[in-house]
Protein backbone atom coordinates (compact mmCIF):
# COMPACT_ATOMS: atom_id res chain seq x y z
CA MET A 1 21.54 50.61 -0.19
CA GLN A 2 18.32 50.77 -2.11
CA SER A 3 19.75 48.79 -5.01
CA ASP A 4 20.66 45.99 -2.56
CA ASN A 5 17.08 45.89 -1.34
CA LYS A 6 15.75 45.66 -4.89
CA ILE A 7 18.07 42.76 -5.67
CA PHE A 8 17.11 41.09 -2.42
CA ASP A 9 13.39 41.69 -3.09
CA ASP A 10 13.71 40.24 -6.57
CA PHE A 11 15.54 37.22 -5.21
CA VAL A 12 12.84 36.65 -2.55
CA LYS A 13 10.12 36.93 -5.21
CA PHE A 14 11.99 34.44 -7.39
CA VAL A 15 12.39 31.95 -4.52
CA ASN A 16 8.75 32.32 -3.48
CA GLY A 17 7.63 31.78 -7.06
CA ALA A 18 9.84 28.72 -7.41
CA ALA A 19 8.57 27.30 -4.10
CA GLY A 20 4.98 27.86 -5.17
CA THR A 21 5.62 26.21 -8.52
CA LEU A 22 7.28 23.20 -6.87
CA ALA A 23 4.41 22.89 -4.40
CA GLY A 24 1.92 22.97 -7.28
CA VAL A 25 3.87 20.33 -9.18
CA GLY A 26 3.96 18.19 -6.05
CA ARG A 27 0.19 18.51 -5.57
CA GLU A 28 -0.45 17.62 -9.20
CA ALA A 29 1.86 14.61 -8.97
CA GLU A 30 0.14 13.42 -5.80
CA ALA A 31 -3.31 13.85 -7.34
CA GLY A 32 -2.20 11.95 -10.44
CA ALA A 33 -0.73 9.14 -8.35
CA ARG A 34 -3.92 8.90 -6.30
CA ALA A 35 -6.03 8.76 -9.46
CA ARG A 36 -3.86 6.01 -10.96
CA ALA A 37 -3.94 4.05 -7.68
CA LYS A 38 -7.74 4.33 -7.46
CA GLU A 39 -8.05 3.22 -11.08
CA TRP A 40 -5.73 0.26 -10.51
CA ILE A 41 -7.38 -0.77 -7.25
CA GLY A 42 -10.83 -0.23 -8.72
CA GLY A 43 -10.04 -2.79 -11.40
CA LEU A 44 -9.36 -5.45 -8.77
CA ASP A 45 -12.13 -7.53 -7.27
CA PHE A 46 -12.22 -6.02 -3.81
CA VAL A 47 -15.39 -6.01 -1.73
CA SER A 48 -16.47 -3.55 0.89
CA ARG A 49 -16.31 -4.41 4.57
CA ASP A 50 -20.13 -4.47 4.75
CA GLU A 51 -20.36 -6.93 1.86
CA PHE A 52 -17.68 -9.12 3.43
CA GLU A 53 -19.44 -9.16 6.81
CA ALA A 54 -22.78 -10.01 5.15
CA VAL A 55 -21.29 -12.97 3.26
CA LYS A 56 -19.44 -14.08 6.39
CA ALA A 57 -22.72 -14.12 8.34
CA MET A 58 -24.43 -16.04 5.53
CA ALA A 59 -21.63 -18.64 5.55
CA ALA A 60 -21.88 -19.04 9.34
CA ALA A 61 -25.67 -19.51 9.11
CA ALA A 62 -25.25 -22.07 6.32
CA ARG A 63 -22.64 -23.92 8.37
CA ASP A 64 -24.98 -24.02 11.40
CA GLU A 65 -27.85 -25.27 9.25
CA THR A 66 -25.62 -27.95 7.71
CA GLU A 67 -24.56 -29.17 11.15
CA ALA A 68 -28.20 -29.33 12.30
CA LEU A 69 -29.23 -31.23 9.18
CA ARG A 70 -26.28 -33.61 9.58
CA ALA A 71 -27.32 -34.36 13.18
CA ARG A 72 -30.93 -34.93 12.05
CA LEU A 73 -29.78 -37.24 9.23
CA ASP A 74 -27.53 -39.20 11.61
CA ALA A 75 -30.48 -39.67 13.98
CA LEU A 76 -32.76 -40.83 11.15
CA GLU A 77 -30.11 -43.24 9.84
CA ALA A 78 -29.59 -44.64 13.32
CA LYS A 79 -33.33 -45.13 13.74
CA ALA A 80 -33.59 -46.83 10.33
CA ALA A 81 -30.63 -49.10 11.12
CA LYS A 82 -32.31 -50.59 14.22
CA PRO A 83 -34.23 -53.76 13.38
CA ALA A 84 -37.95 -53.24 13.52
CA LYS A 85 -39.69 -55.30 16.24
CA LYS A 86 -42.44 -57.52 14.99
CA ALA A 87 -45.85 -57.09 16.52
CA GLY A 88 -47.31 -60.23 17.81
């Protein structure tokens, strides 16, 4: 009976060791994949959300200013296009 327990104990130790080894290999593979993905993505020209929002706000402000200047220019051109009345 005791010899059966020793065989069983050895088998359990073997399986636990194999499971631990496989888990370690899996963790190493995942870490390597993450590192490669970060390296690949880091080489691309991505911007952070904060940078994107800042540029988006700048573009909206520039668009508003352009519209205001266009309206001012249209008004000045309309005023210049009217014939000047002669004083007399």
